Amino acid sequence: MSQINVVMCSGFSPSSRLVRKALRRVAEKKDIKVISVCPPDAGLGKYIEEIAGLDPAHTMVVEGCDGCCGTMGLMLQGFTASRTVIMEKVSAVDDKAIDKAEESILSALKEMGQ
C-alpha cells in the first residue's frame, strides 16, 4: 500500500474542526499525508511545488462542507484529486460526529486501496 495524500478543509467552522480531528485519528491508523491548500493558495513556492508533485490517483480531498474550499484551492493550482469526501455540516463537534467523519474517511481510503 502506498501513502495517500489527503488535502483537508482549511476553514475555521465547526465542520472544519471536525475534519481536522477525524484526520488526526485516521493518521494514527493509516499511512496518509495531510496537506492544507492554504500555503500554496498564498503563493508560497515550496508548497505550490508540493501540490504540483502530487499523484492524483493517490490524492483525496476531505471537505468540511459543500463549500469545497480544499477542492477549489487545488483547482487554483491546476490539480484535481481522484476522490472527494464531503462531510455534513455540524454545529457542534462531539465524539459521535468525529466517529462518523472518521468512518467516512476510512471508507474512502479503503476504496483507494489503503
C-alpha atoms as a PDB file:
ATOM      1  CA  MET A   1       0.000   0.000   0.000  1.00  0.00           C
ATOM      2  CA  SER A   2       1.273   3.432  -0.793  1.00  0.00           C
ATOM      3  CA  GLN A   3       0.709   6.619   1.090  1.00  0.00           C
ATOM      4  CA  ILE A   4      -2.432   8.592   0.291  1.00  0.00           C
ATOM      5  CA  ASN A   5      -2.263  12.371   0.222  1.00  0.00           C
ATOM      6  CA  VAL A   6      -5.242  13.904   1.998  1.00  0.00           C
ATOM      7  CA  VAL A   7      -5.975  17.538   1.261  1.00  0.00           C
ATOM      8  CA  MET A   8      -8.066  18.891   4.092  1.00  0.00           C
ATOM      9  CA  CYS A   9     -10.673  21.532   4.513  1.00  0.00           C
ATOM     10  CA  SER A  10      -8.900  24.612   5.815  1.00  0.00           C
ATOM     11  CA  GLY A  11     -11.656  26.698   7.387  1.00  0.00           C
ATOM     12  CA  PHE A  12     -12.475  27.532  10.987  1.00  0.00           C
ATOM     13  CA  SER A  13     -16.089  26.389  11.123  1.00  0.00           C
ATOM     14  CA  PRO A  14     -17.132  23.555  13.412  1.00  0.00           C
ATOM     15  CA  SER A  15     -17.189  21.284  10.333  1.00  0.00           C
ATOM     16  CA  SER A  16     -13.588  22.191   9.552  1.00  0.00           C
ATOM     17  CA  ARG A  17     -12.539  21.417  13.107  1.00  0.00           C
ATOM     18  CA  LEU A  18     -14.386  18.112  12.780  1.00  0.00           C
ATOM     19  CA  VAL A  19     -12.352  17.208   9.688  1.00  0.00           C
ATOM     20  CA  ARG A  20      -9.067  18.022  11.401  1.00  0.00           C
ATOM     21  CA  LYS A  21      -9.935  15.971  14.492  1.00  0.00           C
ATOM     22  CA  ALA A  22     -11.076  12.999  12.413  1.00  0.00           C
ATOM     23  CA  LEU A  23      -7.917  13.172  10.274  1.00  0.00           C
ATOM     24  CA  ARG A  24      -5.728  13.114  13.388  1.00  0.00           C
ATOM     25  CA  ARG A  25      -7.406   9.850  14.373  1.00  0.00           C
ATOM     26  CA  VAL A  26      -7.107   8.408  10.864  1.00  0.00           C
ATOM     27  CA  ALA A  27      -3.411   9.351  10.683  1.00  0.00           C
ATOM     28  CA  GLU A  28      -2.781   7.105  13.686  1.00  0.00           C
ATOM     29  CA  LYS A  29      -4.193   4.131  11.764  1.00  0.00           C
ATOM     30  CA  LYS A  30      -3.369   4.704   8.103  1.00  0.00           C
ATOM     31  CA  ASP A  31      -0.421   5.844   6.005  1.00  0.00           C
ATOM     32  CA  ILE A  32      -1.622   9.292   4.978  1.00  0.00           C
ATOM     33  CA  LYS A  33      -0.016  12.659   4.439  1.00  0.00           C
ATOM     34  CA  VAL A  34      -2.325  15.529   5.396  1.00  0.00           C
ATOM     35  CA  ILE A  35      -1.961  18.673   3.307  1.00  0.00           C
ATOM     36  CA  SER A  36      -3.532  22.115   3.589  1.00  0.00           C
ATOM     37  CA  VAL A  37      -4.159  24.198   0.494  1.00  0.00           C
ATOM     38  CA  CYS A  38      -3.620  27.466   2.389  1.00  0.00           C
ATOM     39  CA  PRO A  39       0.167  27.800   1.792  1.00  0.00           C
ATOM     40  CA  PRO A  40       0.022  27.186  -1.983  1.00  0.00           C
ATOM     41  CA  ASP A  41      -3.029  29.421  -2.328  1.00  0.00           C
ATOM     42  CA  ALA A  42      -0.988  32.130  -0.584  1.00  0.00           C
ATOM     43  CA  GLY A  43       1.611  31.761  -3.331  1.00  0.00           C
ATOM     44  CA  LEU A  44       4.325  30.110  -1.253  1.00  0.00           C
ATOM     45  CA  GLY A  45       6.546  28.434  -3.863  1.00  0.00           C
ATOM     46  CA  LYS A  46       7.654  25.421  -1.842  1.00  0.00           C
ATOM     47  CA  TYR A  47       4.030  24.424  -1.276  1.00  0.00           C
ATOM     48  CA  ILE A  48       2.981  25.108  -4.858  1.00  0.00           C
ATOM     49  CA  GLU A  49       5.673  22.615  -5.896  1.00  0.00           C
ATOM     50  CA  GLU A  50       4.350  20.122  -3.329  1.00  0.00           C
ATOM     51  CA  ILE A  51       0.855  20.285  -4.857  1.00  0.00           C
ATOM     52  CA  ALA A  52       2.260  20.031  -8.385  1.00  0.00           C
ATOM     53  CA  GLY A  53       4.172  16.906  -7.384  1.00  0.00           C
ATOM     54  CA  LEU A  54       1.163  15.025  -6.029  1.00  0.00           C
ATOM     55  CA  ASP A  55      -0.131  11.952  -7.823  1.00  0.00           C
ATOM     56  CA  PRO A  56      -3.875  12.485  -8.458  1.00  0.00           C
ATOM     57  CA  ALA A  57      -4.508   8.731  -8.177  1.00  0.00           C
ATOM     58  CA  HIS A  58      -3.134   8.805  -4.602  1.00  0.00           C
ATOM     59  CA  THR A  59      -4.790  12.048  -3.536  1.00  0.00           C
ATOM     60  CA  MET A  60      -8.157  12.687  -1.953  1.00  0.00           C
ATOM     61  CA  VAL A  61      -9.832  15.776  -0.547  1.00  0.00           C
ATOM     62  CA  VAL A  62     -11.812  15.819   2.692  1.00  0.00           C
ATOM     63  CA  GLU A  63     -14.220  18.747   2.811  1.00  0.00           C
ATOM     64  CA  GLY A  64     -15.948  20.035   5.934  1.00  0.00           C
ATOM     65  CA  CYS A  65     -18.955  21.203   3.933  1.00  0.00           C
ATOM     66  CA  ASP A  66     -20.281  21.676   0.422  1.00  0.00           C
ATOM     67  CA  GLY A  67     -18.277  24.904   0.089  1.00  0.00           C
ATOM     68  CA  CYS A  68     -15.391  22.662  -1.059  1.00  0.00           C
ATOM     69  CA  CYS A  69     -12.529  25.035  -0.171  1.00  0.00           C
ATOM     70  CA  GLY A  70      -9.976  22.226  -0.460  1.00  0.00           C
ATOM     71  CA  THR A  71     -11.094  21.257  -3.952  1.00  0.00           C
ATOM     72  CA  MET A  72     -11.244  24.872  -5.092  1.00  0.00           C
ATOM     73  CA  GLY A  73      -7.788  25.531  -3.678  1.00  0.00           C
ATOM     74  CA  LEU A  74      -6.428  22.594  -5.661  1.00  0.00           C
ATOM     75  CA  MET A  75      -8.191  23.767  -8.804  1.00  0.00           C
ATOM     76  CA  LEU A  76      -6.470  27.137  -8.434  1.00  0.00           C
ATOM     77  CA  GLN A  77      -3.200  25.196  -8.630  1.00  0.00           C
ATOM     78  CA  GLY A  78      -4.415  23.248 -11.684  1.00  0.00           C
ATOM     79  CA  PHE A  79      -4.792  19.989  -9.749  1.00  0.00           C
ATOM     80  CA  THR A  80      -7.697  17.558  -9.456  1.00  0.00           C
ATOM     81  CA  ALA A  81      -7.763  14.796  -6.838  1.00  0.00           C
ATOM     82  CA  SER A  82      -9.187  11.383  -7.684  1.00  0.00           C
ATOM     83  CA  ARG A  83     -11.572  11.320  -4.706  1.00  0.00           C
ATOM     84  CA  THR A  84     -13.516  13.845  -2.637  1.00  0.00           C
ATOM     85  CA  VAL A  85     -15.294  13.213   0.653  1.00  0.00           C
ATOM     86  CA  ILE A  86     -17.752  15.889   1.772  1.00  0.00           C
ATOM     87  CA  MET A  87     -18.880  15.882   5.391  1.00  0.00           C
ATOM     88  CA  GLU A  88     -22.271  17.062   6.553  1.00  0.00           C
ATOM     89  CA  LYS A  89     -22.153  20.430   8.271  1.00  0.00           C
ATOM     90  CA  VAL A  90     -22.174  20.267  12.038  1.00  0.00           C
ATOM     91  CA  SER A  91     -22.834  22.966  14.588  1.00  0.00           C
ATOM     92  CA  ALA A  92     -21.015  21.172  17.405  1.00  0.00           C
ATOM     93  CA  VAL A  93     -18.008  18.892  17.308  1.00  0.00           C
ATOM     94  CA  ASP A  94     -18.623  15.896  19.519  1.00  0.00           C
ATOM     95  CA  ASP A  95     -17.312  12.338  19.644  1.00  0.00           C
ATOM     96  CA  LYS A  96     -20.276  10.977  17.675  1.00  0.00           C
ATOM     97  CA  ALA A  97     -19.661  13.405  14.798  1.00  0.00           C
ATOM     98  CA  ILE A  98     -15.913  12.724  14.842  1.00  0.00           C
ATOM     99  CA  ASP A  99     -16.560   8.968  14.779  1.00  0.00           C
ATOM    100  CA  LYS A 100     -18.854   9.345  11.763  1.00  0.00           C
ATOM    101  CA  ALA A 101     -16.332  11.528   9.920  1.00  0.00           C
ATOM    102  CA  GLU A 102     -13.527   9.092  10.705  1.00  0.00           C
ATOM    103  CA  GLU A 103     -15.603   6.201   9.315  1.00  0.00           C
ATOM    104  CA  SER A 104     -16.275   8.146   6.100  1.00  0.00           C
ATOM    105  CA  ILE A 105     -12.598   8.927   5.633  1.00  0.00           C
ATOM    106  CA  LEU A 106     -11.520   5.340   6.374  1.00  0.00           C
ATOM    107  CA  SER A 107     -14.103   4.045   3.891  1.00  0.00           C
ATOM    108  CA  ALA A 108     -12.808   6.361   1.158  1.00  0.00           C
ATOM    109  CA  LEU A 109      -9.222   5.306   1.892  1.00  0.00           C
ATOM    110  CA  LYS A 110     -10.236   1.655   1.635  1.00  0.00           C
ATOM    111  CA  GLU A 111     -11.728   2.352  -1.804  1.00  0.00           C
ATOM    112  CA  MET A 112      -8.410   3.893  -2.795  1.00  0.00           C
ATOM    113  CA  GLY A 113      -6.538   0.774  -1.746  1.00  0.00           C
ATOM    114  CA  GLN A 114      -5.290   1.982   1.623  1.00  0.00           C
END
